[in-house]
Amino acid sequence: MPAQLSIMDQRRAAGEGGAAAVSPLSVAALVALILGSALAVIQSSHECRKLYTVLQQLEADQWHLQEDYGRLLLEQSTWASHYRVERVATRELNMQAPLLTERKVVTP
């Protein structure tokens, strides 16, 4: 085998060390990108927490509204019960069912 040097050996021999030189501008750009990314993560986490707080408040409001709606349905069924309607009609409005002789059947 001939004593042929690989590319890495040739670079080492030339004093390049095998590593490309890093410019200060590229390091500064990488640091800026890392800081920007970190700030974006912080902002995103903060927005997520704010939105979760709003969600919890809306769910609590929904629960209260559902509770009120249930109470209103119960109240409506109480006021509209047949017994109550008949009682109000007879006691307060002095209404009564017609007698059989007062009824008339209308045929089309």
PDB file of N, CA and C in Angstrom:
ATOM      1  N   MET A   1       0.829  -1.169   0.000  1.00  0.00           N
ATOM      2  CA  MET A   1       0.000   0.000   0.000  1.00  0.00           C
ATOM      3  C   MET A   1       0.877   1.237   0.000  1.00  0.00           C
ATOM      4  N   PRO A   2       0.531   2.100  -0.872  1.00  0.00           N
ATOM      5  CA  PRO A   2       1.310   3.324  -0.884  1.00  0.00           C
ATOM      6  C   PRO A   2       0.959   4.176   0.322  1.00  0.00           C
ATOM      7  N   ALA A   3       1.840   4.946   0.697  1.00  0.00           N
ATOM      8  CA  ALA A   3       1.658   5.802   1.862  1.00  0.00           C
ATOM      9  C   ALA A   3       0.881   7.045   1.442  1.00  0.00           C
ATOM     10  N   GLN A   4      -0.378   6.801   1.154  1.00  0.00           N
ATOM     11  CA  GLN A   4      -1.214   7.917   0.734  1.00  0.00           C
ATOM     12  C   GLN A   4      -1.995   8.389   1.953  1.00  0.00           C
ATOM     13  N   LEU A   5      -2.026   9.688   2.165  1.00  0.00           N
ATOM     14  CA  LEU A   5      -2.698  10.261   3.330  1.00  0.00           C
ATOM     15  C   LEU A   5      -4.156  10.525   3.006  1.00  0.00           C
ATOM     16  N   SER A   6      -4.982  10.285   3.995  1.00  0.00           N
ATOM     17  CA  SER A   6      -6.409  10.595   3.811  1.00  0.00           C
ATOM     18  C   SER A   6      -6.577  12.109   3.866  1.00  0.00           C
ATOM     19  N   ILE A   7      -7.765  12.541   3.522  1.00  0.00           N
ATOM     20  CA  ILE A   7      -8.038  13.982   3.515  1.00  0.00           C
ATOM     21  C   ILE A   7      -7.885  14.561   4.911  1.00  0.00           C
ATOM     22  N   MET A   8      -8.344  13.824   5.940  1.00  0.00           N
ATOM     23  CA  MET A   8      -8.216  14.311   7.310  1.00  0.00           C
ATOM     24  C   MET A   8      -6.751  14.408   7.711  1.00  0.00           C
ATOM     25  N   ASP A   9      -5.972  13.421   7.317  1.00  0.00           N
ATOM     26  CA  ASP A   9      -4.549  13.450   7.637  1.00  0.00           C
ATOM     27  C   ASP A   9      -3.864  14.616   6.927  1.00  0.00           C
ATOM     28  N   GLN A  10      -4.285  14.882   5.712  1.00  0.00           N
ATOM     29  CA  GLN A  10      -3.695  15.986   4.968  1.00  0.00           C
ATOM     30  C   GLN A  10      -4.026  17.319   5.644  1.00  0.00           C
ATOM     31  N   ARG A  11      -5.269  17.471   6.133  1.00  0.00           N
ATOM     32  CA  ARG A  11      -5.646  18.713   6.794  1.00  0.00           C
ATOM     33  C   ARG A  11      -4.873  18.890   8.100  1.00  0.00           C
ATOM     34  N   ARG A  12      -4.744  17.797   8.833  1.00  0.00           N
ATOM     35  CA  ARG A  12      -4.006  17.889  10.095  1.00  0.00           C
ATOM     36  C   ARG A  12      -2.554  18.280   9.825  1.00  0.00           C
ATOM     37  N   ALA A  13      -2.037  17.728   8.775  1.00  0.00           N
ATOM     38  CA  ALA A  13      -0.661  18.040   8.443  1.00  0.00           C
ATOM     39  C   ALA A  13      -0.528  19.495   8.009  1.00  0.00           C
ATOM     40  N   ALA A  14      -1.559  20.016   7.391  1.00  0.00           N
ATOM     41  CA  ALA A  14      -1.505  21.400   6.929  1.00  0.00           C
ATOM     42  C   ALA A  14      -1.792  22.369   8.062  1.00  0.00           C
ATOM     43  N   GLY A  15      -2.240  21.843   9.246  1.00  0.00           N
ATOM     44  CA  GLY A  15      -2.473  22.720  10.381  1.00  0.00           C
ATOM     45  C   GLY A  15      -3.912  23.199  10.484  1.00  0.00           C
ATOM     46  N   GLU A  16      -4.807  22.590   9.707  1.00  0.00           N
ATOM     47  CA  GLU A  16      -6.193  23.026   9.764  1.00  0.00           C
ATOM     48  C   GLU A  16      -6.907  22.414  10.955  1.00  0.00           C
ATOM     49  N   GLY A  17      -6.505  21.323  11.442  1.00  0.00           N
ATOM     50  CA  GLY A  17      -7.087  20.706  12.618  1.00  0.00           C
ATOM     51  C   GLY A  17      -8.386  19.980  12.336  1.00  0.00           C
ATOM     52  N   GLY A  18      -8.868  19.954  11.150  1.00  0.00           N
ATOM     53  CA  GLY A  18     -10.068  19.210  10.805  1.00  0.00           C
ATOM     54  C   GLY A  18     -11.369  19.924  11.138  1.00  0.00           C
ATOM     55  N   ALA A  19     -11.333  21.032  11.810  1.00  0.00           N
ATOM     56  CA  ALA A  19     -12.563  21.739  12.165  1.00  0.00           C
ATOM     57  C   ALA A  19     -12.611  23.052  11.414  1.00  0.00           C
ATOM     58  N   ALA A  20     -13.782  23.380  10.952  1.00  0.00           N
ATOM     59  CA  ALA A  20     -13.934  24.634  10.229  1.00  0.00           C
ATOM     60  C   ALA A  20     -13.935  25.782  11.233  1.00  0.00           C
ATOM     61  N   ALA A  21     -13.418  26.875  10.852  1.00  0.00           N
ATOM     62  CA  ALA A  21     -13.375  28.030  11.726  1.00  0.00           C
ATOM     63  C   ALA A  21     -14.778  28.612  11.851  1.00  0.00           C
ATOM     64  N   VAL A  22     -15.163  28.990  13.070  1.00  0.00           N
ATOM     65  CA  VAL A  22     -16.490  29.530  13.339  1.00  0.00           C
ATOM     66  C   VAL A  22     -16.358  31.042  13.483  1.00  0.00           C
ATOM     67  N   SER A  23     -17.150  31.729  12.712  1.00  0.00           N
ATOM     68  CA  SER A  23     -17.065  33.186  12.766  1.00  0.00           C
ATOM     69  C   SER A  23     -17.891  33.704  13.943  1.00  0.00           C
ATOM     70  N   PRO A  24     -17.475  34.812  14.518  1.00  0.00           N
ATOM     71  CA  PRO A  24     -18.225  35.389  15.636  1.00  0.00           C
ATOM     72  C   PRO A  24     -19.652  35.798  15.228  1.00  0.00           C
ATOM     73  N   LEU A  25     -19.834  36.131  13.972  1.00  0.00           N
ATOM     74  CA  LEU A  25     -21.162  36.514  13.492  1.00  0.00           C
ATOM     75  C   LEU A  25     -22.118  35.323  13.538  1.00  0.00           C
ATOM     76  N   SER A  26     -21.642  34.147  13.156  1.00  0.00           N
ATOM     77  CA  SER A  26     -22.517  32.968  13.193  1.00  0.00           C
ATOM     78  C   SER A  26     -22.827  32.569  14.637  1.00  0.00           C
ATOM     79  N   VAL A  27     -21.859  32.739  15.537  1.00  0.00           N
ATOM     80  CA  VAL A  27     -22.111  32.450  16.954  1.00  0.00           C
ATOM     81  C   VAL A  27     -23.164  33.420  17.501  1.00  0.00           C
ATOM     82  N   ALA A  28     -23.027  34.693  17.167  1.00  0.00           N
ATOM     83  CA  ALA A  28     -23.999  35.687  17.619  1.00  0.00           C
ATOM     84  C   ALA A  28     -25.387  35.385  17.052  1.00  0.00           C
ATOM     85  N   ALA A  29     -25.443  34.960  15.797  1.00  0.00           N
ATOM     86  CA  ALA A  29     -26.730  34.626  15.187  1.00  0.00           C
ATOM     87  C   ALA A  29     -27.359  33.424  15.892  1.00  0.00           C
ATOM     88  N   LEU A  30     -26.558  32.414  16.216  1.00  0.00           N
ATOM     89  CA  LEU A  30     -27.074  31.239  16.923  1.00  0.00           C
ATOM     90  C   LEU A  30     -27.565  31.610  18.317  1.00  0.00           C
ATOM     91  N   VAL A  31     -26.816  32.459  19.011  1.00  0.00           N
ATOM     92  CA  VAL A  31     -27.237  32.888  20.350  1.00  0.00           C
ATOM     93  C   VAL A  31     -28.551  33.664  20.264  1.00  0.00           C
ATOM     94  N   ALA A  32     -28.665  34.533  19.250  1.00  0.00           N
ATOM     95  CA  ALA A  32     -29.894  35.299  19.074  1.00  0.00           C
ATOM     96  C   ALA A  32     -31.072  34.377  18.777  1.00  0.00           C
ATOM     97  N   LEU A  33     -30.846  33.372  17.931  1.00  0.00           N
ATOM     98  CA  LEU A  33     -31.918  32.418  17.620  1.00  0.00           C
ATOM     99  C   LEU A  33     -32.325  31.616  18.844  1.00  0.00           C
ATOM    100  N   ILE A  34     -31.363  31.222  19.646  1.00  0.00           N
ATOM    101  CA  ILE A  34     -31.672  30.453  20.866  1.00  0.00           C
ATOM    102  C   ILE A  34     -32.456  31.319  21.843  1.00  0.00           C
ATOM    103  N   LEU A  35     -32.026  32.565  22.031  1.00  0.00           N
ATOM    104  CA  LEU A  35     -32.753  33.466  22.927  1.00  0.00           C
ATOM    105  C   LEU A  35     -34.168  33.750  22.407  1.00  0.00           C
ATOM    106  N   GLY A  36     -34.281  33.943  21.114  1.00  0.00           N
ATOM    107  CA  GLY A  36     -35.612  34.161  20.524  1.00  0.00           C
ATOM    108  C   GLY A  36     -36.515  32.963  20.719  1.00  0.00           C
ATOM    109  N   SER A  37     -35.962  31.794  20.533  1.00  0.00           N
ATOM    110  CA  SER A  37     -36.736  30.568  20.741  1.00  0.00           C
ATOM    111  C   SER A  37     -37.159  30.430  22.200  1.00  0.00           C
ATOM    112  N   ALA A  38     -36.253  30.735  23.119  1.00  0.00           N
ATOM    113  CA  ALA A  38     -36.581  30.645  24.547  1.00  0.00           C
ATOM    114  C   ALA A  38     -37.678  31.635  24.913  1.00  0.00           C
ATOM    115  N   LEU A  39     -37.595  32.859  24.383  1.00  0.00           N
ATOM    116  CA  LEU A  39     -38.636  33.850  24.656  1.00  0.00           C
ATOM    117  C   LEU A  39     -39.973  33.438  24.052  1.00  0.00           C
ATOM    118  N   ALA A  40     -39.942  32.816  22.885  1.00  0.00           N
ATOM    119  CA  ALA A  40     -41.180  32.337  22.263  1.00  0.00           C
ATOM    120  C   ALA A  40     -41.822  31.232  23.102  1.00  0.00           C
ATOM    121  N   VAL A  41     -41.016  30.353  23.665  1.00  0.00           N
ATOM    122  CA  VAL A  41     -41.541  29.291  24.535  1.00  0.00           C
ATOM    123  C   VAL A  41     -42.162  29.896  25.789  1.00  0.00           C
ATOM    124  N   ILE A  42     -41.501  30.887  26.359  1.00  0.00           N
ATOM    125  CA  ILE A  42     -42.036  31.554  27.556  1.00  0.00           C
ATOM    126  C   ILE A  42     -43.361  32.241  27.235  1.00  0.00           C
ATOM    127  N   GLN A  43     -43.410  32.951  26.123  1.00  0.00           N
ATOM    128  CA  GLN A  43     -44.639  33.639  25.715  1.00  0.00           C
ATOM    129  C   GLN A  43     -45.760  32.636  25.460  1.00  0.00           C
ATOM    130  N   SER A  44     -45.452  31.558  24.798  1.00  0.00           N
ATOM    131  CA  SER A  44     -46.456  30.533  24.501  1.00  0.00           C
ATOM    132  C   SER A  44     -46.991  29.904  25.786  1.00  0.00           C
ATOM    133  N   SER A  45     -46.118  29.622  26.737  1.00  0.00           N
ATOM    134  CA  SER A  45     -46.547  29.055  28.020  1.00  0.00           C
ATOM    135  C   SER A  45     -47.437  30.034  28.771  1.00  0.00           C
ATOM    136  N   HIS A  46     -47.081  31.301  28.732  1.00  0.00           N
ATOM    137  CA  HIS A  46     -47.879  32.323  29.412  1.00  0.00           C
ATOM    138  C   HIS A  46     -49.276  32.430  28.787  1.00  0.00           C
ATOM    139  N   GLU A  47     -49.342  32.452  27.469  1.00  0.00           N
ATOM    140  CA  GLU A  47     -50.629  32.516  26.776  1.00  0.00           C
ATOM    141  C   GLU A  47     -51.467  31.278  27.078  1.00  0.00           C
ATOM    142  N   CYS A  48     -50.827  30.130  27.132  1.00  0.00           N
ATOM    143  CA  CYS A  48     -51.528  28.882  27.444  1.00  0.00           C
ATOM    144  C   CYS A  48     -52.140  28.956  28.836  1.00  0.00           C
ATOM    145  N   ARG A  49     -51.396  29.457  29.800  1.00  0.00           N
ATOM    146  CA  ARG A  49     -51.916  29.584  31.168  1.00  0.00           C
ATOM    147  C   ARG A  49     -53.073  30.581  31.233  1.00  0.00           C
ATOM    148  N   LYS A  50     -52.943  31.694  30.507  1.00  0.00           N
ATOM    149  CA  LYS A  50     -54.025  32.677  30.490  1.00  0.00           C
ATOM    150  C   LYS A  50     -55.290  32.083  29.880  1.00  0.00           C
ATOM    151  N   LEU A  51     -55.138  31.375  28.774  1.00  0.00           N
ATOM    152  CA  LEU A  51     -56.298  30.777  28.124  1.00  0.00           C
ATOM    153  C   LEU A  51     -56.917  29.680  28.988  1.00  0.00           C
ATOM    154  N   TYR A  52     -56.104  28.948  29.721  1.00  0.00           N
ATOM    155  CA  TYR A  52     -56.627  27.914  30.610  1.00  0.00           C
ATOM    156  C   TYR A  52     -57.431  28.551  31.751  1.00  0.00           C
ATOM    157  N   THR A  53     -56.957  29.694  32.251  1.00  0.00           N
ATOM    158  CA  THR A  53     -57.701  30.413  33.291  1.00  0.00           C
ATOM    159  C   THR A  53     -59.048  30.881  32.753  1.00  0.00           C
ATOM    160  N   VAL A  54     -59.059  31.400  31.530  1.00  0.00           N
ATOM    161  CA  VAL A  54     -60.315  31.831  30.912  1.00  0.00           C
ATOM    162  C   VAL A  54     -61.248  30.629  30.731  1.00  0.00           C
ATOM    163  N   LEU A  55     -60.694  29.504  30.302  1.00  0.00           N
ATOM    164  CA  LEU A  55     -61.491  28.289  30.126  1.00  0.00           C
ATOM    165  C   LEU A  55     -62.123  27.857  31.441  1.00  0.00           C
ATOM    166  N   GLN A  56     -61.361  27.885  32.515  1.00  0.00           N
ATOM    167  CA  GLN A  56     -61.903  27.499  33.816  1.00  0.00           C
ATOM    168  C   GLN A  56     -63.025  28.441  34.240  1.00  0.00           C
ATOM    169  N   GLN A  57     -62.871  29.733  33.995  1.00  0.00           N
ATOM    170  CA  GLN A  57     -63.913  30.703  34.346  1.00  0.00           C
ATOM    171  C   GLN A  57     -65.174  30.456  33.518  1.00  0.00           C
ATOM    172  N   LEU A  58     -64.998  30.181  32.229  1.00  0.00           N
ATOM    173  CA  LEU A  58     -66.149  29.916  31.370  1.00  0.00           C
ATOM    174  C   LEU A  58     -66.863  28.631  31.782  1.00  0.00           C
ATOM    175  N   GLU A  59     -66.098  27.613  32.187  1.00  0.00           N
ATOM    176  CA  GLU A  59     -66.722  26.371  32.643  1.00  0.00           C
ATOM    177  C   GLU A  59     -67.489  26.593  33.942  1.00  0.00           C
ATOM    178  N   ALA A  60     -66.958  27.428  34.832  1.00  0.00           N
ATOM    179  CA  ALA A  60     -67.673  27.742  36.073  1.00  0.00           C
ATOM    180  C   ALA A  60     -68.964  28.500  35.755  1.00  0.00           C
ATOM    181  N   ASP A  61     -68.892  29.459  34.827  1.00  0.00           N
ATOM    182  CA  ASP A  61     -70.089  30.191  34.418  1.00  0.00           C
ATOM    183  C   ASP A  61     -71.120  29.257  33.797  1.00  0.00           C
ATOM    184  N   GLN A  62     -70.655  28.329  32.977  1.00  0.00           N
ATOM    185  CA  GLN A  62     -71.559  27.360  32.357  1.00  0.00           C
ATOM    186  C   GLN A  62     -72.244  26.513  33.421  1.00  0.00           C
ATOM    187  N   TRP A  63     -71.500  26.098  34.427  1.00  0.00           N
ATOM    188  CA  TRP A  63     -72.072  25.292  35.494  1.00  0.00           C
ATOM    189  C   TRP A  63     -73.160  26.063  36.230  1.00  0.00           C
ATOM    190  N   HIS A  64     -72.887  27.362  36.527  1.00  0.00           N
ATOM    191  CA  HIS A  64     -73.885  28.184  37.211  1.00  0.00           C
ATOM    192  C   HIS A  64     -75.133  28.381  36.339  1.00  0.00           C
ATOM    193  N   LEU A  65     -74.924  28.595  35.046  1.00  0.00           N
ATOM    194  CA  LEU A  65     -76.060  28.766  34.146  1.00  0.00           C
ATOM    195  C   LEU A  65     -76.884  27.485  34.034  1.00  0.00           C
ATOM    196  N   GLN A  66     -76.214  26.343  33.993  1.00  0.00           N
ATOM    197  CA  GLN A  66     -76.941  25.063  33.950  1.00  0.00           C
ATOM    198  C   GLN A  66     -77.753  24.878  35.222  1.00  0.00           C
ATOM    199  N   GLU A  67     -77.184  25.278  36.345  1.00  0.00           N
ATOM    200  CA  GLU A  67     -77.882  25.189  37.627  1.00  0.00           C
ATOM    201  C   GLU A  67     -79.123  26.081  37.612  1.00  0.00           C
ATOM    202  N   ASP A  68     -78.986  27.308  37.142  1.00  0.00           N
ATOM    203  CA  ASP A  68     -80.122  28.226  37.048  1.00  0.00           C
ATOM    204  C   ASP A  68     -81.188  27.691  36.093  1.00  0.00           C
ATOM    205  N   TYR A  69     -80.752  27.140  34.974  1.00  0.00           N
ATOM    206  CA  TYR A  69     -81.685  26.603  33.986  1.00  0.00           C
ATOM    207  C   TYR A  69     -82.491  25.444  34.585  1.00  0.00           C
ATOM    208  N   GLY A  70     -81.827  24.585  35.351  1.00  0.00           N
ATOM    209  CA  GLY A  70     -82.530  23.487  36.008  1.00  0.00           C
ATOM    210  C   GLY A  70     -83.576  24.000  36.981  1.00  0.00           C
ATOM    211  N   ARG A  71     -83.215  25.024  37.750  1.00  0.00           N
ATOM    212  CA  ARG A  71     -84.176  25.620  38.683  1.00  0.00           C
ATOM    213  C   ARG A  71     -85.356  26.249  37.938  1.00  0.00           C
ATOM    214  N   LEU A  72     -85.078  26.925  36.830  1.00  0.00           N
ATOM    215  CA  LEU A  72     -86.152  27.546  36.057  1.00  0.00           C
ATOM    216  C   LEU A  72     -87.077  26.497  35.442  1.00  0.00           C
ATOM    217  N   LEU A  73     -86.521  25.395  34.972  1.00  0.00           N
ATOM    218  CA  LEU A  73     -87.367  24.317  34.439  1.00  0.00           C
ATOM    219  C   LEU A  73     -88.263  23.741  35.517  1.00  0.00           C
ATOM    220  N   LEU A  74     -87.712  23.567  36.709  1.00  0.00           N
ATOM    221  CA  LEU A  74     -88.506  23.059  37.819  1.00  0.00           C
ATOM    222  C   LEU A  74     -89.620  24.037  38.177  1.00  0.00           C
ATOM    223  N   GLU A  75     -89.285  25.325  38.203  1.00  0.00           N
ATOM    224  CA  GLU A  75     -90.290  26.340  38.509  1.00  0.00           C
ATOM    225  C   GLU A  75     -91.369  26.379  37.437  1.00  0.00           C
ATOM    226  N   GLN A  76     -90.972  26.276  36.184  1.00  0.00           N
ATOM    227  CA  GLN A  76     -91.943  26.285  35.087  1.00  0.00           C
ATOM    228  C   GLN A  76     -92.877  25.083  35.182  1.00  0.00           C
ATOM    229  N   SER A  77     -92.326  23.926  35.476  1.00  0.00           N
ATOM    230  CA  SER A  77     -93.189  22.742  35.580  1.00  0.00           C
ATOM    231  C   SER A  77     -94.134  22.862  36.770  1.00  0.00           C
ATOM    232  N   THR A  78     -93.698  23.542  37.832  1.00  0.00           N
ATOM    233  CA  THR A  78     -94.568  23.750  38.991  1.00  0.00           C
ATOM    234  C   THR A  78     -95.708  24.696  38.638  1.00  0.00           C
ATOM    235  N   TRP A  79     -95.397  25.799  37.988  1.00  0.00           N
ATOM    236  CA  TRP A  79     -96.432  26.781  37.645  1.00  0.00           C
ATOM    237  C   TRP A  79     -97.396  26.241  36.594  1.00  0.00           C
ATOM    238  N   ALA A  80     -96.917  25.363  35.726  1.00  0.00           N
ATOM    239  CA  ALA A  80     -97.754  24.873  34.634  1.00  0.00           C
ATOM    240  C   ALA A  80     -98.401  23.525  34.934  1.00  0.00           C
ATOM    241  N   SER A  81     -98.323  23.051  36.159  1.00  0.00           N
ATOM    242  CA  SER A  81     -98.939  21.758  36.463  1.00  0.00           C
ATOM    243  C   SER A  81    -100.457  21.858  36.314  1.00  0.00           C
ATOM    244  N   HIS A  82    -101.073  20.761  35.904  1.00  0.00           N
ATOM    245  CA  HIS A  82    -102.516  20.753  35.652  1.00  0.00           C
ATOM    246  C   HIS A  82    -103.295  21.070  36.936  1.00  0.00           C
ATOM    247  N   TYR A  83    -102.826  20.550  38.037  1.00  0.00           N
ATOM    248  CA  TYR A  83    -103.507  20.791  39.306  1.00  0.00           C
ATOM    249  C   TYR A  83    -103.524  22.282  39.632  1.00  0.00           C
ATOM    250  N   ARG A  84    -102.380  22.953  39.469  1.00  0.00           N
ATOM    251  CA  ARG A  84    -102.307  24.375  39.798  1.00  0.00           C
ATOM    252  C   ARG A  84    -103.147  25.206  38.852  1.00  0.00           C
ATOM    253  N   VAL A  85    -103.100  24.887  37.556  1.00  0.00           N
ATOM    254  CA  VAL A  85    -103.890  25.642  36.580  1.00  0.00           C
ATOM    255  C   VAL A  85    -105.376  25.503  36.897  1.00  0.00           C
ATOM    256  N   GLU A  86    -105.819  24.293  37.224  1.00  0.00           N
ATOM    257  CA  GLU A  86    -107.229  24.086  37.552  1.00  0.00           C
ATOM    258  C   GLU A  86    -107.613  24.826  38.834  1.00  0.00           C
ATOM    259  N   ARG A  87    -106.755  24.800  39.818  1.00  0.00           N
ATOM    260  CA  ARG A  87    -107.022  25.489  41.085  1.00  0.00           C
ATOM    261  C   ARG A  87    -107.128  27.000  40.886  1.00  0.00           C
ATOM    262  N   VAL A  88    -106.192  27.587  40.121  1.00  0.00           N
ATOM    263  CA  VAL A  88    -106.235  29.026  39.854  1.00  0.00           C
ATOM    264  C   VAL A  88    -107.494  29.372  39.064  1.00  0.00           C
ATOM    265  N   ALA A  89    -107.859  28.536  38.102  1.00  0.00           N
ATOM    266  CA  ALA A  89    -109.047  28.807  37.291  1.00  0.00           C
ATOM    267  C   ALA A  89    -110.297  28.793  38.146  1.00  0.00           C
ATOM    268  N   THR A  90    -110.424  27.852  39.078  1.00  0.00           N
ATOM    269  CA  THR A  90    -111.648  27.765  39.885  1.00  0.00           C
ATOM    270  C   THR A  90    -111.651  28.778  41.019  1.00  0.00           C
ATOM    271  N   ARG A  91    -110.560  28.988  41.696  1.00  0.00           N
ATOM    272  CA  ARG A  91    -110.539  29.860  42.879  1.00  0.00           C
ATOM    273  C   ARG A  91    -110.394  31.341  42.534  1.00  0.00           C
ATOM    274  N   GLU A  92    -109.445  31.653  41.667  1.00  0.00           N
ATOM    275  CA  GLU A  92    -109.158  33.063  41.392  1.00  0.00           C
ATOM    276  C   GLU A  92    -109.991  33.627  40.245  1.00  0.00           C
ATOM    277  N   LEU A  93    -110.287  32.805  39.254  1.00  0.00           N
ATOM    278  CA  LEU A  93    -111.015  33.308  38.078  1.00  0.00           C
ATOM    279  C   LEU A  93    -112.478  32.878  38.069  1.00  0.00           C
ATOM    280  N   ASN A  94    -112.869  32.131  39.095  1.00  0.00           N
ATOM    281  CA  ASN A  94    -114.249  31.649  39.214  1.00  0.00           C
ATOM    282  C   ASN A  94    -114.725  30.910  37.963  1.00  0.00           C
ATOM    283  N   MET A  95    -113.871  30.131  37.405  1.00  0.00           N
ATOM    284  CA  MET A  95    -114.232  29.347  36.221  1.00  0.00           C
ATOM    285  C   MET A  95    -114.688  27.967  36.670  1.00  0.00           C
ATOM    286  N   GLN A  96    -115.530  27.353  35.842  1.00  0.00           N
ATOM    287  CA  GLN A  96    -115.962  25.990  36.126  1.00  0.00           C
ATOM    288  C   GLN A  96    -116.248  25.285  34.820  1.00  0.00           C
ATOM    289  N   ALA A  97    -116.225  23.981  34.878  1.00  0.00           N
ATOM    290  CA  ALA A  97    -116.479  23.190  33.676  1.00  0.00           C
ATOM    291  C   ALA A  97    -117.947  23.348  33.287  1.00  0.00           C
ATOM    292  N   PRO A  98    -118.249  23.405  31.995  1.00  0.00           N
ATOM    293  CA  PRO A  98    -119.653  23.550  31.575  1.00  0.00           C
ATOM    294  C   PRO A  98    -120.450  22.271  31.871  1.00  0.00           C
ATOM    295  N   LEU A  99    -121.705  22.440  32.093  1.00  0.00           N
ATOM    296  CA  LEU A  99    -122.587  21.293  32.313  1.00  0.00           C
ATOM    297  C   LEU A  99    -122.814  20.577  30.990  1.00  0.00           C
ATOM    298  N   LEU A 100    -123.293  19.338  31.076  1.00  0.00           N
ATOM    299  CA  LEU A 100    -123.528  18.568  29.851  1.00  0.00           C
ATOM    300  C   LEU A 100    -124.590  19.235  28.971  1.00  0.00           C
ATOM    301  N   THR A 101    -125.549  19.874  29.570  1.00  0.00           N
ATOM    302  CA  THR A 101    -126.600  20.519  28.784  1.00  0.00           C
ATOM    303  C   THR A 101    -126.084  21.762  28.066  1.00  0.00           C
ATOM    304  N   GLU A 102    -125.010  22.349  28.549  1.00  0.00           N
ATOM    305  CA  GLU A 102    -124.436  23.560  27.953  1.00  0.00           C
ATOM    306  C   GLU A 102    -123.454  23.257  26.829  1.00  0.00           C
ATOM    307  N   ARG A 103    -123.073  22.023  26.708  1.00  0.00           N
ATOM    308  CA  ARG A 103    -122.077  21.637  25.684  1.00  0.00           C
ATOM    309  C   ARG A 103    -122.754  21.493  24.327  1.00  0.00           C
ATOM    310  N   LYS A 104    -122.046  21.915  23.292  1.00  0.00           N
ATOM    311  CA  LYS A 104    -122.528  21.762  21.922  1.00  0.00           C
ATOM    312  C   LYS A 104    -121.436  21.110  21.099  1.00  0.00           C
ATOM    313  N   VAL A 105    -121.799  20.171  20.289  1.00  0.00           N
ATOM    314  CA  VAL A 105    -120.861  19.490  19.417  1.00  0.00           C
ATOM    315  C   VAL A 105    -121.018  20.085  18.031  1.00  0.00           C
ATOM    316  N   VAL A 106    -119.918  20.512  17.480  1.00  0.00           N
ATOM    317  CA  VAL A 106    -119.943  21.127  16.144  1.00  0.00           C
ATOM    318  C   VAL A 106    -119.332  20.135  15.184  1.00  0.00           C
ATOM    319  N   THR A 107    -120.035  19.828  14.144  1.00  0.00           N
ATOM    320  CA  THR A 107    -119.488  18.921  13.134  1.00  0.00           C
ATOM    321  C   THR A 107    -119.131  19.722  11.892  1.00  0.00           C
ATOM    322  N   PRO A 108    -118.108  19.321  11.235  1.00  0.00           N
ATOM    323  CA  PRO A 108    -117.675  20.087  10.059  1.00  0.00           C
ATOM    324  C   PRO A 108    -118.580  19.881   8.862  1.00  0.00           C
TER     325      PRO A 108
END
